[in-house]
């Protein structure tokens, strides 16, 4: 996780929830507020943070600060093992969230990276190629827009090096969503800070001893 004091009201709570989940499944959690990428919006901090730590682990999981694991959810390690042939495990966004004709609509609020040379090379290009950033067709989604372009153009053969799981497998955004199996993560994407705080506090109070 990466966040700073501007969103700590709800992010601190989500960190505690995520830490409880990680402790339950023997996963190390890393939380950071150090700026490594000062000339782009803070959403880009996920890339240098992943690059800083990926070499220490078999896999790294990124989770946004406005998202939390379900404490009673399945072990994410089992899902990783199921897709171990891929370098990236992505989550599709809400169906039809983008009207343009693209194959997938990756939501970068939660994704999994395998520690391989391919993954590291891909992260460097995704995070630091200035032309990709400048030509992003979806500027309201800075890093997410860039990877949508990269996926559509199949840069570095990303389509064969990743799996994009359907919306509701890794994460979901709405309380009314109904799935055959509970997703791993609830993501408060696009909500106000007040809504994020109230939800996270309620979930923490009701589920964390």
N, C-alpha and C. Protein backbone atom coordinates (compact mmCIF):
# COMPACT_ATOMS: atom_id res chain seq x y z
N UNK A 1 0.84 -1.18 0.00
CA UNK A 1 0.00 0.00 0.00
C UNK A 1 0.88 1.25 0.00
N UNK A 2 0.38 2.28 -0.63
CA UNK A 2 1.04 3.58 -0.58
C UNK A 2 -0.02 4.65 -0.35
N UNK A 3 0.21 5.50 0.63
CA UNK A 3 -0.66 6.66 0.83
C UNK A 3 0.04 7.66 1.73
N UNK A 4 -0.47 8.89 1.71
CA UNK A 4 0.11 9.92 2.57
C UNK A 4 -0.95 10.44 3.53
N UNK A 5 -0.63 11.49 4.26
CA UNK A 5 -1.51 11.99 5.32
C UNK A 5 -2.82 12.55 4.79
N UNK A 6 -2.87 12.88 3.49
CA UNK A 6 -4.10 13.47 2.94
C UNK A 6 -5.27 12.51 2.97
N UNK A 7 -4.99 11.20 2.91
CA UNK A 7 -6.07 10.22 2.90
C UNK A 7 -5.95 9.23 4.06
N UNK A 8 -5.15 9.57 5.04
CA UNK A 8 -4.88 8.62 6.12
C UNK A 8 -6.11 8.32 6.98
N UNK A 9 -7.11 9.20 6.94
CA UNK A 9 -8.30 8.98 7.78
C UNK A 9 -8.92 7.61 7.49
N UNK A 10 -9.03 7.25 6.22
CA UNK A 10 -9.59 5.93 5.87
C UNK A 10 -8.49 4.93 5.52
N UNK A 11 -7.37 5.41 4.99
CA UNK A 11 -6.31 4.49 4.58
C UNK A 11 -5.69 3.78 5.77
N UNK A 12 -5.56 4.47 6.90
CA UNK A 12 -5.03 3.82 8.10
C UNK A 12 -5.91 2.66 8.54
N UNK A 13 -7.22 2.84 8.40
CA UNK A 13 -8.15 1.77 8.78
C UNK A 13 -8.01 0.60 7.82
N UNK A 14 -7.95 0.90 6.53
CA UNK A 14 -7.79 -0.18 5.55
C UNK A 14 -6.47 -0.91 5.73
N UNK A 15 -5.45 -0.19 6.12
CA UNK A 15 -4.17 -0.85 6.40
C UNK A 15 -4.34 -1.87 7.54
N UNK A 16 -5.04 -1.50 8.58
CA UNK A 16 -5.25 -2.41 9.70
C UNK A 16 -6.05 -3.65 9.27
N UNK A 17 -7.06 -3.43 8.43
CA UNK A 17 -7.83 -4.56 7.91
C UNK A 17 -6.95 -5.46 7.06
N UNK A 18 -6.19 -4.85 6.16
CA UNK A 18 -5.32 -5.63 5.28
C UNK A 18 -4.23 -6.35 6.05
N UNK A 19 -3.73 -5.71 7.08
CA UNK A 19 -2.71 -6.37 7.91
C UNK A 19 -3.29 -7.60 8.61
N UNK A 20 -4.52 -7.48 9.09
CA UNK A 20 -5.16 -8.63 9.74
C UNK A 20 -5.31 -9.78 8.76
N UNK A 21 -5.70 -9.47 7.52
CA UNK A 21 -5.82 -10.50 6.49
C UNK A 21 -4.46 -11.12 6.19
N UNK A 22 -3.45 -10.28 6.02
CA UNK A 22 -2.11 -10.78 5.71
C UNK A 22 -1.55 -11.62 6.85
N UNK A 23 -1.75 -11.18 8.07
CA UNK A 23 -1.29 -11.96 9.21
C UNK A 23 -1.96 -13.34 9.23
N UNK A 24 -3.23 -13.36 8.89
CA UNK A 24 -3.98 -14.62 8.88
C UNK A 24 -3.39 -15.61 7.89
N UNK A 25 -2.88 -15.11 6.76
CA UNK A 25 -2.39 -15.99 5.69
C UNK A 25 -0.87 -15.94 5.54
N UNK A 26 -0.20 -15.42 6.53
CA UNK A 26 1.27 -15.39 6.54
C UNK A 26 1.83 -14.65 5.32
N UNK A 27 1.27 -13.49 5.07
CA UNK A 27 1.72 -12.62 3.98
C UNK A 27 2.32 -11.36 4.61
N UNK A 28 3.45 -10.92 4.09
CA UNK A 28 4.06 -9.69 4.61
C UNK A 28 3.39 -8.49 3.97
N UNK A 29 3.02 -7.51 4.77
CA UNK A 29 2.41 -6.30 4.24
C UNK A 29 3.39 -5.14 4.32
N UNK A 30 3.41 -4.34 3.28
CA UNK A 30 4.29 -3.17 3.21
C UNK A 30 3.42 -1.94 2.99
N UNK A 31 3.65 -0.94 3.82
CA UNK A 31 2.92 0.32 3.69
C UNK A 31 3.94 1.45 3.64
N UNK A 32 3.79 2.35 2.69
CA UNK A 32 4.79 3.37 2.45
C UNK A 32 4.15 4.72 2.16
N UNK A 33 4.85 5.80 2.53
CA UNK A 33 4.41 7.14 2.16
C UNK A 33 5.55 7.96 1.55
N UNK A 34 6.63 7.29 1.19
CA UNK A 34 7.79 7.97 0.62
C UNK A 34 7.56 8.30 -0.84
N UNK A 35 7.75 9.56 -1.20
CA UNK A 35 7.62 9.95 -2.61
C UNK A 35 8.88 9.56 -3.36
N UNK A 36 8.71 8.75 -4.39
CA UNK A 36 9.80 8.38 -5.28
C UNK A 36 9.59 8.94 -6.68
N UNK A 37 8.40 9.44 -6.92
CA UNK A 37 8.03 9.88 -8.27
C UNK A 37 7.37 11.24 -8.15
N UNK A 38 8.17 12.29 -8.10
CA UNK A 38 7.65 13.61 -7.74
C UNK A 38 7.09 14.42 -8.90
N UNK A 39 7.33 14.01 -10.14
CA UNK A 39 6.83 14.82 -11.26
C UNK A 39 5.57 14.25 -11.90
N UNK A 40 4.98 13.24 -11.29
CA UNK A 40 3.70 12.72 -11.74
C UNK A 40 2.75 12.62 -10.55
N UNK A 41 1.44 12.49 -10.81
CA UNK A 41 0.47 12.35 -9.71
C UNK A 41 0.81 11.17 -8.81
N UNK A 42 0.34 11.22 -7.58
CA UNK A 42 0.72 10.21 -6.60
C UNK A 42 0.25 8.80 -6.94
N UNK A 43 -0.75 8.68 -7.81
CA UNK A 43 -1.18 7.32 -8.19
C UNK A 43 -0.05 6.54 -8.84
N UNK A 44 0.93 7.24 -9.39
CA UNK A 44 2.06 6.57 -10.03
C UNK A 44 3.01 5.94 -9.02
N UNK A 45 2.88 6.27 -7.74
CA UNK A 45 3.82 5.76 -6.75
C UNK A 45 3.80 4.24 -6.65
N UNK A 46 2.74 3.62 -7.11
CA UNK A 46 2.68 2.15 -7.05
C UNK A 46 3.80 1.50 -7.85
N UNK A 47 4.22 2.13 -8.96
CA UNK A 47 5.23 1.51 -9.81
C UNK A 47 6.61 1.51 -9.15
N UNK A 48 7.14 2.66 -8.72
CA UNK A 48 8.45 2.61 -8.06
C UNK A 48 8.44 1.82 -6.76
N UNK A 49 7.30 1.79 -6.07
CA UNK A 49 7.22 1.00 -4.84
C UNK A 49 7.33 -0.49 -5.16
N UNK A 50 6.61 -0.93 -6.18
CA UNK A 50 6.71 -2.34 -6.59
C UNK A 50 8.12 -2.69 -7.04
N UNK A 51 8.73 -1.80 -7.81
CA UNK A 51 10.09 -2.06 -8.28
C UNK A 51 11.10 -2.09 -7.14
N UNK A 52 10.83 -1.32 -6.10
CA UNK A 52 11.74 -1.28 -4.96
C UNK A 52 11.74 -2.60 -4.19
N UNK A 53 10.58 -3.27 -4.15
CA UNK A 53 10.45 -4.45 -3.29
C UNK A 53 10.35 -5.78 -4.03
N UNK A 54 10.03 -5.77 -5.32
CA UNK A 54 9.69 -7.01 -6.01
C UNK A 54 10.80 -8.05 -5.94
N UNK A 55 12.05 -7.61 -5.94
CA UNK A 55 13.15 -8.56 -5.98
C UNK A 55 13.28 -9.36 -4.68
N UNK A 56 12.60 -8.93 -3.63
CA UNK A 56 12.68 -9.61 -2.33
C UNK A 56 11.64 -10.73 -2.18
N UNK A 57 10.72 -10.83 -3.12
CA UNK A 57 9.60 -11.75 -2.96
C UNK A 57 9.34 -12.51 -4.25
N UNK A 58 8.62 -13.61 -4.14
CA UNK A 58 8.18 -14.34 -5.33
C UNK A 58 7.10 -13.57 -6.07
N UNK A 59 6.22 -12.92 -5.30
CA UNK A 59 5.13 -12.12 -5.86
C UNK A 59 4.95 -10.86 -5.02
N UNK A 60 4.45 -9.82 -5.66
CA UNK A 60 4.02 -8.62 -4.95
C UNK A 60 2.57 -8.34 -5.34
N UNK A 61 1.80 -7.92 -4.38
CA UNK A 61 0.39 -7.57 -4.60
C UNK A 61 0.23 -6.08 -4.36
N UNK A 62 -0.35 -5.39 -5.33
CA UNK A 62 -0.68 -3.99 -5.11
C UNK A 62 -2.15 -3.89 -4.72
N UNK A 63 -2.43 -3.09 -3.67
CA UNK A 63 -3.81 -2.79 -3.29
C UNK A 63 -3.92 -1.31 -2.98
N UNK A 64 -4.90 -0.64 -3.57
CA UNK A 64 -5.12 0.78 -3.32
C UNK A 64 -5.46 1.03 -1.85
N UNK A 65 -5.21 2.25 -1.42
CA UNK A 65 -5.47 2.61 -0.02
C UNK A 65 -6.96 2.73 0.28
N UNK A 66 -7.81 2.78 -0.75
CA UNK A 66 -9.26 2.82 -0.52
C UNK A 66 -9.87 1.44 -0.75
N UNK A 67 -9.08 0.41 -0.54
CA UNK A 67 -9.55 -0.97 -0.73
C UNK A 67 -9.09 -1.83 0.44
N UNK A 68 -9.87 -2.86 0.71
CA UNK A 68 -9.47 -3.78 1.79
C UNK A 68 -9.88 -5.21 1.43
N UNK A 69 -9.09 -6.14 1.92
CA UNK A 69 -9.43 -7.55 1.81
C UNK A 69 -10.64 -7.86 2.69
N UNK A 70 -11.37 -8.89 2.30
CA UNK A 70 -12.38 -9.47 3.19
C UNK A 70 -11.66 -10.43 4.14
N UNK A 71 -11.81 -10.21 5.42
CA UNK A 71 -11.12 -11.02 6.41
C UNK A 71 -11.50 -12.50 6.28
N UNK A 72 -12.75 -12.77 5.96
CA UNK A 72 -13.20 -14.16 5.84
C UNK A 72 -13.10 -14.68 4.41
N UNK A 73 -12.39 -13.94 3.55
CA UNK A 73 -12.24 -14.38 2.17
C UNK A 73 -11.22 -15.50 2.03
N UNK A 74 -11.15 -16.07 0.85
CA UNK A 74 -10.20 -17.14 0.58
C UNK A 74 -8.76 -16.61 0.63
N UNK A 75 -7.82 -17.52 0.68
CA UNK A 75 -6.40 -17.16 0.71
C UNK A 75 -5.95 -16.77 -0.70
N UNK A 76 -5.49 -15.55 -0.87
CA UNK A 76 -5.07 -15.07 -2.18
C UNK A 76 -3.89 -15.88 -2.73
N UNK A 77 -3.12 -16.50 -1.84
CA UNK A 77 -1.99 -17.32 -2.28
C UNK A 77 -2.47 -18.49 -3.14
N UNK A 78 -3.63 -19.04 -2.82
CA UNK A 78 -4.17 -20.15 -3.61
C UNK A 78 -4.52 -19.70 -5.02
N UNK A 79 -5.05 -18.49 -5.15
CA UNK A 79 -5.36 -17.97 -6.49
C UNK A 79 -4.07 -17.72 -7.27
N UNK A 80 -3.06 -17.19 -6.60
CA UNK A 80 -1.78 -16.96 -7.27
C UNK A 80 -1.21 -18.27 -7.81
N UNK A 81 -1.29 -19.32 -7.01
CA UNK A 81 -0.79 -20.63 -7.45
C UNK A 81 -1.54 -21.12 -8.68
N UNK A 82 -2.82 -20.82 -8.76
CA UNK A 82 -3.64 -21.26 -9.89
C UNK A 82 -3.19 -20.61 -11.19
N UNK A 83 -2.68 -19.38 -11.10
CA UNK A 83 -2.27 -18.64 -12.30
C UNK A 83 -0.77 -18.39 -12.31
N UNK A 84 -0.01 -19.35 -11.82
CA UNK A 84 1.43 -19.17 -11.67
C UNK A 84 2.18 -19.09 -13.00
N UNK A 85 1.53 -19.44 -14.08
CA UNK A 85 2.19 -19.35 -15.39
C UNK A 85 2.24 -17.93 -15.93
N UNK A 86 1.54 -17.01 -15.27
CA UNK A 86 1.47 -15.63 -15.75
C UNK A 86 2.34 -14.71 -14.91
N UNK A 87 2.84 -13.66 -15.54
CA UNK A 87 3.66 -12.67 -14.84
C UNK A 87 2.80 -11.61 -14.13
N UNK A 88 1.62 -11.34 -14.67
CA UNK A 88 0.70 -10.38 -14.06
C UNK A 88 -0.68 -11.01 -13.94
N UNK A 89 -1.32 -10.75 -12.82
CA UNK A 89 -2.72 -11.12 -12.64
C UNK A 89 -3.49 -9.83 -12.43
N UNK A 90 -4.31 -9.47 -13.41
CA UNK A 90 -5.06 -8.22 -13.39
C UNK A 90 -6.53 -8.47 -13.11
N UNK A 91 -7.21 -7.40 -12.75
CA UNK A 91 -8.66 -7.44 -12.54
C UNK A 91 -9.35 -6.59 -13.60
N UNK A 92 -10.36 -7.16 -14.23
CA UNK A 92 -11.18 -6.36 -15.13
C UNK A 92 -12.00 -5.36 -14.34
N UNK A 93 -12.28 -4.24 -14.99
CA UNK A 93 -13.11 -3.21 -14.36
C UNK A 93 -14.58 -3.59 -14.52
N UNK A 94 -15.46 -2.71 -14.04
CA UNK A 94 -16.89 -2.93 -14.23
C UNK A 94 -17.18 -3.04 -15.72
N UNK A 95 -17.95 -4.01 -16.14
CA UNK A 95 -18.25 -4.16 -17.56
C UNK A 95 -18.75 -2.85 -18.18
N UNK A 96 -18.21 -2.55 -19.35
CA UNK A 96 -18.59 -1.36 -20.12
C UNK A 96 -18.24 -0.07 -19.40
N UNK A 97 -17.23 -0.09 -18.54
CA UNK A 97 -16.82 1.14 -17.88
C UNK A 97 -16.11 2.08 -18.86
N UNK A 98 -15.63 1.52 -19.96
CA UNK A 98 -15.04 2.31 -21.03
C UNK A 98 -15.79 1.99 -22.31
N UNK A 99 -16.25 3.01 -23.01
CA UNK A 99 -17.09 2.80 -24.18
C UNK A 99 -16.28 2.46 -25.43
N UNK A 100 -14.98 2.75 -25.42
CA UNK A 100 -14.18 2.48 -26.60
C UNK A 100 -14.06 0.97 -26.82
N UNK A 101 -13.76 0.63 -28.04
CA UNK A 101 -13.66 -0.78 -28.42
C UNK A 101 -12.31 -1.35 -28.00
N UNK A 102 -12.21 -1.77 -26.73
CA UNK A 102 -11.00 -2.41 -26.26
C UNK A 102 -11.39 -3.76 -25.65
N UNK A 103 -10.43 -4.66 -25.64
CA UNK A 103 -10.74 -6.02 -25.22
C UNK A 103 -11.04 -6.11 -23.73
N UNK A 104 -10.28 -5.37 -22.93
CA UNK A 104 -10.44 -5.43 -21.49
C UNK A 104 -10.40 -4.01 -20.93
N UNK A 105 -10.83 -3.87 -19.71
CA UNK A 105 -10.80 -2.58 -19.03
C UNK A 105 -10.16 -2.79 -17.66
N UNK A 106 -8.85 -2.95 -17.65
CA UNK A 106 -8.12 -3.27 -16.43
C UNK A 106 -8.28 -2.17 -15.39
N UNK A 107 -8.57 -2.59 -14.16
CA UNK A 107 -8.60 -1.65 -13.04
C UNK A 107 -7.36 -1.92 -12.19
N UNK A 108 -6.50 -0.92 -12.07
CA UNK A 108 -5.21 -1.11 -11.41
C UNK A 108 -5.27 -0.91 -9.89
N UNK A 109 -6.46 -0.85 -9.33
CA UNK A 109 -6.57 -0.74 -7.88
C UNK A 109 -6.12 -1.97 -7.13
N UNK A 110 -6.05 -3.10 -7.84
CA UNK A 110 -5.60 -4.35 -7.24
C UNK A 110 -5.03 -5.23 -8.35
N UNK A 111 -3.77 -5.61 -8.22
CA UNK A 111 -3.18 -6.53 -9.19
C UNK A 111 -1.98 -7.22 -8.55
N UNK A 112 -1.52 -8.28 -9.20
CA UNK A 112 -0.47 -9.14 -8.66
C UNK A 112 0.65 -9.27 -9.69
N UNK A 113 1.88 -9.18 -9.20
CA UNK A 113 3.05 -9.21 -10.07
C UNK A 113 3.99 -10.33 -9.64
N UNK A 114 4.43 -11.12 -10.59
CA UNK A 114 5.41 -12.18 -10.34
C UNK A 114 6.82 -11.61 -10.49
N UNK A 115 7.71 -12.03 -9.61
CA UNK A 115 9.09 -11.56 -9.66
C UNK A 115 9.84 -12.27 -10.79
N UNK A 116 9.82 -11.64 -11.96
CA UNK A 116 10.55 -12.15 -13.12
C UNK A 116 11.19 -10.96 -13.84
N UNK A 117 12.16 -11.24 -14.67
CA UNK A 117 12.76 -10.17 -15.47
C UNK A 117 11.71 -9.51 -16.35
N UNK A 118 10.82 -10.32 -16.90
CA UNK A 118 9.75 -9.75 -17.74
C UNK A 118 8.95 -8.72 -16.96
N UNK A 119 8.50 -9.08 -15.76
CA UNK A 119 7.67 -8.18 -14.97
C UNK A 119 8.40 -6.89 -14.66
N UNK A 120 9.66 -6.99 -14.29
CA UNK A 120 10.44 -5.80 -13.95
C UNK A 120 10.61 -4.92 -15.18
N UNK A 121 10.91 -5.52 -16.32
CA UNK A 121 11.03 -4.73 -17.55
C UNK A 121 9.71 -4.05 -17.90
N UNK A 122 8.61 -4.78 -17.74
CA UNK A 122 7.30 -4.21 -18.06
C UNK A 122 6.97 -3.05 -17.12
N UNK A 123 7.22 -3.22 -15.83
CA UNK A 123 6.96 -2.16 -14.86
C UNK A 123 7.75 -0.90 -15.19
N UNK A 124 9.00 -1.06 -15.60
CA UNK A 124 9.82 0.10 -15.96
C UNK A 124 9.22 0.86 -17.13
N UNK A 125 8.76 0.15 -18.14
CA UNK A 125 8.18 0.82 -19.30
C UNK A 125 6.84 1.45 -18.93
N UNK A 126 6.00 0.70 -18.24
CA UNK A 126 4.70 1.22 -17.80
C UNK A 126 4.89 2.49 -16.97
N UNK A 127 5.83 2.47 -16.08
CA UNK A 127 5.96 3.57 -15.14
C UNK A 127 6.81 4.74 -15.59
N UNK A 128 7.69 4.53 -16.57
CA UNK A 128 8.67 5.57 -16.85
C UNK A 128 8.77 5.99 -18.32
N UNK A 129 8.02 5.37 -19.20
CA UNK A 129 8.06 5.78 -20.60
C UNK A 129 7.25 7.07 -20.76
N UNK A 130 7.94 8.16 -21.05
CA UNK A 130 7.28 9.47 -21.10
C UNK A 130 6.33 9.60 -22.28
N UNK A 131 6.64 8.96 -23.40
CA UNK A 131 5.75 9.06 -24.55
C UNK A 131 4.44 8.33 -24.29
N UNK A 132 4.49 7.18 -23.63
CA UNK A 132 3.26 6.48 -23.29
C UNK A 132 2.40 7.34 -22.36
N UNK A 133 3.05 7.98 -21.42
CA UNK A 133 2.30 8.85 -20.50
C UNK A 133 1.70 10.04 -21.23
N UNK A 134 2.46 10.64 -22.11
CA UNK A 134 1.99 11.80 -22.86
C UNK A 134 0.84 11.45 -23.79
N UNK A 135 0.88 10.27 -24.39
CA UNK A 135 -0.13 9.87 -25.38
C UNK A 135 -1.26 9.04 -24.80
N UNK A 136 -1.36 8.98 -23.49
CA UNK A 136 -2.43 8.24 -22.81
C UNK A 136 -3.80 8.69 -23.32
N UNK A 137 -4.57 7.76 -23.87
CA UNK A 137 -5.90 8.10 -24.39
C UNK A 137 -6.94 8.26 -23.29
N UNK A 138 -6.58 7.90 -22.07
CA UNK A 138 -7.52 7.98 -20.95
C UNK A 138 -6.90 8.79 -19.82
N UNK A 139 -6.67 10.08 -20.03
CA UNK A 139 -5.90 10.89 -19.07
C UNK A 139 -6.53 10.99 -17.68
N UNK A 140 -7.83 10.76 -17.56
CA UNK A 140 -8.42 10.80 -16.23
C UNK A 140 -7.99 9.61 -15.39
N UNK A 141 -7.43 8.59 -16.03
CA UNK A 141 -6.86 7.43 -15.34
C UNK A 141 -5.38 7.36 -15.69
N UNK A 142 -4.51 8.05 -14.95
CA UNK A 142 -3.11 8.18 -15.38
C UNK A 142 -2.40 6.85 -15.64
N UNK A 143 -2.07 6.11 -14.61
CA UNK A 143 -1.35 4.84 -14.82
C UNK A 143 -2.25 3.79 -15.45
N UNK A 144 -3.53 3.82 -15.07
CA UNK A 144 -4.48 2.85 -15.60
C UNK A 144 -4.68 3.06 -17.10
N UNK A 145 -4.74 4.31 -17.51
CA UNK A 145 -4.90 4.60 -18.93
C UNK A 145 -3.73 4.12 -19.75
N UNK A 146 -2.53 4.28 -19.21
CA UNK A 146 -1.33 3.84 -19.93
C UNK A 146 -1.35 2.33 -20.12
N UNK A 147 -1.72 1.60 -19.08
CA UNK A 147 -1.70 0.14 -19.24
C UNK A 147 -2.83 -0.34 -20.16
N UNK A 148 -3.93 0.40 -20.22
CA UNK A 148 -4.97 0.05 -21.18
C UNK A 148 -4.44 0.18 -22.60
N UNK A 149 -3.69 1.25 -22.85
CA UNK A 149 -3.07 1.41 -24.17
C UNK A 149 -2.07 0.30 -24.44
N UNK A 150 -1.24 -0.01 -23.44
CA UNK A 150 -0.23 -1.05 -23.61
C UNK A 150 -0.87 -2.40 -23.88
N UNK A 151 -1.96 -2.68 -23.19
CA UNK A 151 -2.63 -3.97 -23.39
C UNK A 151 -3.26 -4.04 -24.78
N UNK A 152 -3.91 -2.96 -25.18
CA UNK A 152 -4.55 -2.97 -26.49
C UNK A 152 -3.52 -3.18 -27.61
N UNK A 153 -2.36 -2.54 -27.47
CA UNK A 153 -1.31 -2.66 -28.49
C UNK A 153 -0.45 -3.90 -28.27
N UNK A 154 -0.72 -4.65 -27.20
CA UNK A 154 0.02 -5.86 -26.85
C UNK A 154 1.53 -5.60 -26.76
N UNK A 155 1.87 -4.51 -26.10
CA UNK A 155 3.27 -4.18 -25.91
C UNK A 155 3.95 -5.23 -25.04
N UNK A 156 5.15 -5.61 -25.43
CA UNK A 156 5.92 -6.64 -24.73
C UNK A 156 5.14 -7.95 -24.61
N UNK A 157 4.20 -8.14 -25.52
CA UNK A 157 3.39 -9.37 -25.51
C UNK A 157 2.66 -9.54 -24.18
N UNK A 158 2.15 -8.43 -23.65
CA UNK A 158 1.50 -8.46 -22.34
C UNK A 158 0.26 -9.35 -22.34
N UNK A 159 -0.41 -9.46 -23.45
CA UNK A 159 -1.63 -10.28 -23.48
C UNK A 159 -1.36 -11.75 -23.20
N UNK A 160 -0.17 -12.21 -23.57
CA UNK A 160 0.19 -13.60 -23.31
C UNK A 160 0.97 -13.77 -22.00
N UNK A 161 1.31 -12.66 -21.39
CA UNK A 161 2.06 -12.71 -20.14
C UNK A 161 1.21 -12.32 -18.94
N UNK A 162 -0.08 -12.15 -19.16
CA UNK A 162 -0.97 -11.77 -18.07
C UNK A 162 -2.31 -12.47 -18.21
N UNK A 163 -3.03 -12.51 -17.11
CA UNK A 163 -4.41 -12.96 -17.13
C UNK A 163 -5.24 -11.84 -16.53
N UNK A 164 -6.37 -11.54 -17.17
CA UNK A 164 -7.27 -10.50 -16.68
C UNK A 164 -8.54 -11.18 -16.20
N UNK A 165 -8.70 -11.26 -14.90
CA UNK A 165 -9.83 -11.95 -14.32
C UNK A 165 -11.07 -11.06 -14.35
N UNK A 166 -12.21 -11.69 -14.49
CA UNK A 166 -13.45 -10.95 -14.60
C UNK A 166 -13.73 -10.13 -13.34
N UNK A 167 -14.43 -9.03 -13.55
CA UNK A 167 -14.86 -8.20 -12.44
C UNK A 167 -15.61 -9.07 -11.42
N UNK A 168 -15.21 -8.91 -10.16
CA UNK A 168 -15.85 -9.69 -9.11
C UNK A 168 -15.06 -10.89 -8.64
N UNK A 169 -13.98 -11.21 -9.34
CA UNK A 169 -13.12 -12.30 -8.88
C UNK A 169 -12.11 -11.76 -7.88
N UNK A 170 -11.31 -10.80 -8.30
CA UNK A 170 -10.34 -10.20 -7.39
C UNK A 170 -10.97 -9.10 -6.54
N UNK A 171 -11.72 -8.22 -7.16
CA UNK A 171 -12.27 -7.06 -6.44
C UNK A 171 -13.64 -6.69 -6.99
N UNK A 172 -14.36 -5.95 -6.17
CA UNK A 172 -15.63 -5.36 -6.63
C UNK A 172 -15.82 -4.03 -5.91
N UNK A 173 -16.82 -3.25 -6.38
CA UNK A 173 -16.95 -1.87 -5.94
C UNK A 173 -18.27 -1.53 -5.25
N UNK A 174 -19.26 -2.41 -5.35
CA UNK A 174 -20.60 -2.04 -4.88
C UNK A 174 -21.16 -3.07 -3.91
N UNK A 175 -21.83 -2.59 -2.87
CA UNK A 175 -22.39 -3.48 -1.87
C UNK A 175 -23.46 -4.41 -2.45
N UNK A 176 -24.14 -3.96 -3.48
CA UNK A 176 -25.21 -4.77 -4.04
C UNK A 176 -24.75 -5.83 -5.02
N UNK A 177 -23.46 -5.88 -5.30
CA UNK A 177 -22.95 -6.89 -6.23
C UNK A 177 -23.22 -8.30 -5.69
N UNK A 178 -23.60 -9.20 -6.59
CA UNK A 178 -23.84 -10.59 -6.21
C UNK A 178 -22.98 -11.49 -7.08
N UNK A 179 -22.17 -12.34 -6.44
CA UNK A 179 -21.29 -13.25 -7.16
C UNK A 179 -21.43 -14.65 -6.57
N UNK A 180 -21.09 -15.64 -7.36
CA UNK A 180 -21.15 -17.01 -6.88
C UNK A 180 -20.17 -17.23 -5.73
N UNK A 181 -19.04 -16.53 -5.77
CA UNK A 181 -18.04 -16.63 -4.71
C UNK A 181 -17.59 -15.23 -4.33
N UNK A 182 -17.40 -15.01 -3.05
CA UNK A 182 -17.02 -13.68 -2.58
C UNK A 182 -15.69 -13.25 -3.18
N UNK A 183 -15.60 -12.02 -3.69
CA UNK A 183 -14.31 -11.50 -4.16
C UNK A 183 -13.31 -11.38 -3.01
N UNK A 184 -12.07 -11.19 -3.35
CA UNK A 184 -11.04 -11.04 -2.33
C UNK A 184 -11.06 -9.65 -1.69
N UNK A 185 -11.44 -8.64 -2.48
CA UNK A 185 -11.26 -7.25 -2.06
C UNK A 185 -12.50 -6.43 -2.35
N UNK A 186 -12.81 -5.53 -1.40
CA UNK A 186 -13.82 -4.49 -1.66
C UNK A 186 -13.07 -3.19 -1.89
N UNK A 187 -13.35 -2.56 -3.02
CA UNK A 187 -12.62 -1.36 -3.44
C UNK A 187 -13.59 -0.19 -3.54
N UNK A 188 -13.34 0.84 -2.75
CA UNK A 188 -14.22 2.01 -2.70
C UNK A 188 -13.83 3.01 -3.78
N UNK A 189 -13.73 2.54 -4.99
CA UNK A 189 -13.30 3.38 -6.10
C UNK A 189 -14.32 4.49 -6.38
N UNK A 190 -13.82 5.71 -6.53
CA UNK A 190 -14.67 6.83 -6.90
C UNK A 190 -15.54 7.39 -5.79
N UNK A 191 -15.40 6.90 -4.57
CA UNK A 191 -16.21 7.41 -3.46
C UNK A 191 -15.57 8.64 -2.83
N UNK A 192 -16.36 9.37 -2.07
CA UNK A 192 -15.82 10.49 -1.32
C UNK A 192 -15.01 9.96 -0.13
N UNK A 193 -14.16 10.79 0.41
CA UNK A 193 -13.37 10.37 1.56
C UNK A 193 -14.25 10.06 2.77
N UNK A 194 -15.35 10.77 2.89
CA UNK A 194 -16.27 10.52 4.01
C UNK A 194 -16.89 9.13 3.89
N UNK A 195 -17.35 8.79 2.70
CA UNK A 195 -17.93 7.45 2.48
C UNK A 195 -16.87 6.38 2.72
N UNK A 196 -15.68 6.61 2.23
CA UNK A 196 -14.59 5.65 2.44
C UNK A 196 -14.32 5.45 3.93
N UNK A 197 -14.24 6.54 4.66
CA UNK A 197 -13.97 6.46 6.10
C UNK A 197 -15.09 5.70 6.82
N UNK A 198 -16.32 6.07 6.53
CA UNK A 198 -17.45 5.45 7.24
C UNK A 198 -17.53 3.95 6.94
N UNK A 199 -17.35 3.58 5.68
CA UNK A 199 -17.40 2.16 5.34
C UNK A 199 -16.27 1.39 6.02
N UNK A 200 -15.07 1.90 5.88
CA UNK A 200 -13.91 1.19 6.41
C UNK A 200 -13.98 1.04 7.92
N UNK A 201 -14.42 2.11 8.59
CA UNK A 201 -14.55 2.04 10.05
C UNK A 201 -15.58 1.02 10.45
N UNK A 202 -16.71 0.98 9.75
CA UNK A 202 -17.75 0.02 10.07
C UNK A 202 -17.26 -1.41 9.85
N UNK A 203 -16.58 -1.63 8.71
CA UNK A 203 -16.08 -2.98 8.46
C UNK A 203 -15.05 -3.38 9.50
N UNK A 204 -14.17 -2.49 9.84
CA UNK A 204 -13.14 -2.78 10.84
C UNK A 204 -13.79 -3.10 12.19
N UNK A 205 -14.74 -2.29 12.60
CA UNK A 205 -15.40 -2.47 13.89
C UNK A 205 -16.12 -3.80 13.97
N UNK A 206 -16.74 -4.20 12.86
CA UNK A 206 -17.55 -5.41 12.85
C UNK A 206 -16.74 -6.70 12.63
N UNK A 207 -15.51 -6.57 12.13
CA UNK A 207 -14.79 -7.78 11.70
C UNK A 207 -13.42 -7.99 12.31
N UNK A 208 -12.85 -6.97 12.93
CA UNK A 208 -11.52 -7.10 13.50
C UNK A 208 -11.62 -7.12 15.02
N UNK A 209 -11.21 -8.20 15.67
CA UNK A 209 -11.31 -8.29 17.13
C UNK A 209 -10.52 -7.18 17.83
